[in-house]
Amino acid sequence: QVQLVESGGGSVQAGGSLRLSCVASGDNYYMAWFRQAPGKEREGVATIAPESVGKYYSGSVEGRFTISRDKKIVYLQMDNLKPEDTAMYYCAADAFVPPGRRLSPTSFAFWGQGTQVTVVS
């Protein structure tokens, strides 16, 4: 079973930056970042394929966020943060995610505990 540990969350002013990190106990997984605000549905943010073959972004963050990986560590660089980015951010992993479902929460079997990101204006 894959264990995931996120870090890097915090409070930042609008327009600022944060970098989230996720350390996985396994390798060669699709890994992703999701976020969920209170009372809202979980939203896919970004997914990266094994060996960084492909990257997939939500339209709401494309151009502002960048996902990358270094073997077992996955990063989410978040720039130009906006108040609507405020949420609990979760790292997720799965051995395979089918095309067209790579930003879907139900595609991922393993989840981290989450790290809070708060953007204030």
C-alpha atoms as a PDB file:
ATOM      1  CA  GLN A   1       0.000   0.000   0.000  1.00  0.00           C
ATOM      2  CA  VAL A   2       1.271   3.441  -0.915  1.00  0.00           C
ATOM      3  CA  GLN A   3       1.667   6.010   1.814  1.00  0.00           C
ATOM      4  CA  LEU A   4       1.714   9.687   0.918  1.00  0.00           C
ATOM      5  CA  VAL A   5       2.846  12.588   3.057  1.00  0.00           C
ATOM      6  CA  GLU A   6       2.199  16.172   1.991  1.00  0.00           C
ATOM      7  CA  SER A   7       3.875  19.307   3.234  1.00  0.00           C
ATOM      8  CA  GLY A   8       4.339  22.932   2.263  1.00  0.00           C
ATOM      9  CA  GLY A   9       0.920  24.389   2.938  1.00  0.00           C
ATOM     10  CA  GLY A  10       0.387  27.631   4.751  1.00  0.00           C
ATOM     11  CA  SER A  11      -1.097  31.083   4.570  1.00  0.00           C
ATOM     12  CA  VAL A  12      -0.064  33.475   1.828  1.00  0.00           C
ATOM     13  CA  GLN A  13      -1.269  36.772   0.430  1.00  0.00           C
ATOM     14  CA  ALA A  14      -2.971  36.898  -2.938  1.00  0.00           C
ATOM     15  CA  GLY A  15      -0.388  37.003  -5.701  1.00  0.00           C
ATOM     16  CA  GLY A  16       2.108  35.049  -3.657  1.00  0.00           C
ATOM     17  CA  SER A  17       3.551  31.590  -4.121  1.00  0.00           C
ATOM     18  CA  LEU A  18       3.767  28.274  -2.322  1.00  0.00           C
ATOM     19  CA  ARG A  19       5.322  24.953  -3.194  1.00  0.00           C
ATOM     20  CA  LEU A  20       3.701  21.767  -1.992  1.00  0.00           C
ATOM     21  CA  SER A  21       5.592  18.501  -1.690  1.00  0.00           C
ATOM     22  CA  CYS A  22       4.364  14.922  -1.525  1.00  0.00           C
ATOM     23  CA  VAL A  23       6.616  12.026  -0.601  1.00  0.00           C
ATOM     24  CA  ALA A  24       5.427   8.597  -1.697  1.00  0.00           C
ATOM     25  CA  SER A  25       6.469   5.245  -0.273  1.00  0.00           C
ATOM     26  CA  GLY A  26       6.329   3.706  -3.755  1.00  0.00           C
ATOM     27  CA  ASP A  27       7.391   4.565  -7.279  1.00  0.00           C
ATOM     28  CA  ASN A  28       6.068   4.477 -10.844  1.00  0.00           C
ATOM     29  CA  TYR A  29       2.630   5.781  -9.963  1.00  0.00           C
ATOM     30  CA  TYR A  30       0.462   8.402 -11.489  1.00  0.00           C
ATOM     31  CA  MET A  31       0.429  11.124  -8.886  1.00  0.00           C
ATOM     32  CA  ALA A  32      -1.902  14.031  -8.542  1.00  0.00           C
ATOM     33  CA  TRP A  33      -2.970  16.992  -6.502  1.00  0.00           C
ATOM     34  CA  PHE A  34      -6.577  17.605  -5.556  1.00  0.00           C
ATOM     35  CA  ARG A  35      -8.158  20.283  -3.461  1.00  0.00           C
ATOM     36  CA  GLN A  36     -11.327  20.613  -1.478  1.00  0.00           C
ATOM     37  CA  ALA A  37     -12.828  23.621   0.229  1.00  0.00           C
ATOM     38  CA  PRO A  38     -15.458  23.245   2.966  1.00  0.00           C
ATOM     39  CA  GLY A  39     -18.834  22.433   1.461  1.00  0.00           C
ATOM     40  CA  LYS A  40     -17.348  21.988  -2.011  1.00  0.00           C
ATOM     41  CA  GLU A  41     -16.620  18.957  -4.152  1.00  0.00           C
ATOM     42  CA  ARG A  42     -13.107  17.663  -4.438  1.00  0.00           C
ATOM     43  CA  GLU A  43     -11.441  19.181  -7.480  1.00  0.00           C
ATOM     44  CA  GLY A  44      -8.602  17.827  -9.559  1.00  0.00           C
ATOM     45  CA  VAL A  45      -5.727  20.288  -9.803  1.00  0.00           C
ATOM     46  CA  ALA A  46      -2.883  18.534 -11.593  1.00  0.00           C
ATOM     47  CA  THR A  47      -1.709  15.029 -12.432  1.00  0.00           C
ATOM     48  CA  ILE A  48       1.682  13.752 -13.519  1.00  0.00           C
ATOM     49  CA  ALA A  49       2.363  10.396 -15.159  1.00  0.00           C
ATOM     50  CA  PRO A  50       5.167   7.992 -14.266  1.00  0.00           C
ATOM     51  CA  GLU A  51       8.495   9.207 -15.604  1.00  0.00           C
ATOM     52  CA  SER A  52       6.807  12.551 -16.277  1.00  0.00           C
ATOM     53  CA  VAL A  53       5.505  11.304 -19.618  1.00  0.00           C
ATOM     54  CA  GLY A  54       2.457  13.509 -19.304  1.00  0.00           C
ATOM     55  CA  LYS A  55       1.113  16.350 -17.226  1.00  0.00           C
ATOM     56  CA  TYR A  56      -2.508  17.321 -16.871  1.00  0.00           C
ATOM     57  CA  TYR A  57      -3.925  20.499 -15.376  1.00  0.00           C
ATOM     58  CA  SER A  58      -7.246  21.902 -14.399  1.00  0.00           C
ATOM     59  CA  GLY A  59      -8.130  24.900 -16.511  1.00  0.00           C
ATOM     60  CA  SER A  60      -8.482  27.004 -13.385  1.00  0.00           C
ATOM     61  CA  VAL A  61      -4.797  26.608 -12.494  1.00  0.00           C
ATOM     62  CA  GLU A  62      -3.107  26.101 -15.855  1.00  0.00           C
ATOM     63  CA  GLY A  63      -0.462  28.741 -16.362  1.00  0.00           C
ATOM     64  CA  ARG A  64      -0.199  29.412 -12.631  1.00  0.00           C
ATOM     65  CA  PHE A  65       0.570  25.984 -11.152  1.00  0.00           C
ATOM     66  CA  THR A  66       3.266  23.539 -12.198  1.00  0.00           C
ATOM     67  CA  ILE A  67       3.447  19.871 -11.264  1.00  0.00           C
ATOM     68  CA  SER A  68       6.763  18.050 -11.327  1.00  0.00           C
ATOM     69  CA  ARG A  69       8.328  14.965  -9.836  1.00  0.00           C
ATOM     70  CA  ASP A  70      11.652  13.594  -8.737  1.00  0.00           C
ATOM     71  CA  LYS A  71      11.101   9.859  -8.421  1.00  0.00           C
ATOM     72  CA  LYS A  72       9.133   9.481  -5.185  1.00  0.00           C
ATOM     73  CA  ILE A  73       8.644  13.186  -4.567  1.00  0.00           C
ATOM     74  CA  VAL A  74       5.968  15.171  -6.356  1.00  0.00           C
ATOM     75  CA  TYR A  75       5.793  18.946  -6.234  1.00  0.00           C
ATOM     76  CA  LEU A  76       3.132  21.480  -6.940  1.00  0.00           C
ATOM     77  CA  GLN A  77       4.529  24.937  -7.526  1.00  0.00           C
ATOM     78  CA  MET A  78       1.736  27.441  -7.079  1.00  0.00           C
ATOM     79  CA  ASP A  79       2.274  30.967  -8.347  1.00  0.00           C
ATOM     80  CA  ASN A  80      -0.017  33.983  -8.500  1.00  0.00           C
ATOM     81  CA  LEU A  81      -2.265  32.487  -5.868  1.00  0.00           C
ATOM     82  CA  LYS A  82      -5.823  33.710  -5.625  1.00  0.00           C
ATOM     83  CA  PRO A  83      -8.314  33.576  -2.739  1.00  0.00           C
ATOM     84  CA  GLU A  84     -10.319  30.972  -4.648  1.00  0.00           C
ATOM     85  CA  ASP A  85      -7.306  28.659  -4.412  1.00  0.00           C
ATOM     86  CA  THR A  86      -7.922  28.359  -0.673  1.00  0.00           C
ATOM     87  CA  ALA A  87      -8.565  24.697   0.147  1.00  0.00           C
ATOM     88  CA  MET A  88      -7.189  21.571   1.685  1.00  0.00           C
ATOM     89  CA  TYR A  89      -4.779  20.132  -0.858  1.00  0.00           C
ATOM     90  CA  TYR A  90      -4.408  16.367  -1.124  1.00  0.00           C
ATOM     91  CA  CYS A  91      -1.794  14.244  -2.800  1.00  0.00           C
ATOM     92  CA  ALA A  92      -3.053  11.100  -4.523  1.00  0.00           C
ATOM     93  CA  ALA A  93      -1.529   8.133  -6.350  1.00  0.00           C
ATOM     94  CA  ASP A  94      -2.553   5.168  -8.455  1.00  0.00           C
ATOM     95  CA  ALA A  95      -0.771   2.617 -10.635  1.00  0.00           C
ATOM     96  CA  PHE A  96      -2.755   3.581 -13.723  1.00  0.00           C
ATOM     97  CA  VAL A  97      -5.227   6.292 -14.540  1.00  0.00           C
ATOM     98  CA  PRO A  98      -7.129   5.956 -17.818  1.00  0.00           C
ATOM     99  CA  PRO A  99      -7.166   8.757 -20.379  1.00  0.00           C
ATOM    100  CA  GLY A 100      -9.953  11.205 -19.770  1.00  0.00           C
ATOM    101  CA  ARG A 101     -10.046  10.414 -16.053  1.00  0.00           C
ATOM    102  CA  ARG A 102      -6.716  11.803 -14.951  1.00  0.00           C
ATOM    103  CA  LEU A 103      -8.179  14.649 -12.932  1.00  0.00           C
ATOM    104  CA  SER A 104     -10.957  12.561 -11.394  1.00  0.00           C
ATOM    105  CA  PRO A 105     -10.791  11.754  -7.659  1.00  0.00           C
ATOM    106  CA  THR A 106     -12.296   8.307  -8.223  1.00  0.00           C
ATOM    107  CA  SER A 107      -9.322   7.374 -10.416  1.00  0.00           C
ATOM    108  CA  PHE A 108      -6.961   7.389  -7.442  1.00  0.00           C
ATOM    109  CA  ALA A 109      -6.782   4.732  -4.744  1.00  0.00           C
ATOM    110  CA  PHE A 110      -4.193   6.201  -2.386  1.00  0.00           C
ATOM    111  CA  TRP A 111      -4.424   9.532  -0.617  1.00  0.00           C
ATOM    112  CA  GLY A 112      -2.385  11.651   1.718  1.00  0.00           C
ATOM    113  CA  GLN A 113      -3.627  13.444   4.801  1.00  0.00           C
ATOM    114  CA  GLY A 114      -3.831  16.853   3.171  1.00  0.00           C
ATOM    115  CA  THR A 115      -2.144  20.194   3.697  1.00  0.00           C
ATOM    116  CA  GLN A 116      -4.043  23.446   4.116  1.00  0.00           C
ATOM    117  CA  VAL A 117      -3.501  26.337   1.727  1.00  0.00           C
ATOM    118  CA  THR A 118      -5.030  29.665   2.639  1.00  0.00           C
ATOM    119  CA  VAL A 119      -4.818  32.682   0.355  1.00  0.00           C
ATOM    120  CA  VAL A 120      -5.811  36.025   1.821  1.00  0.00           C
ATOM    121  CA  SER A 121      -6.394  39.332   0.089  1.00  0.00           C
END
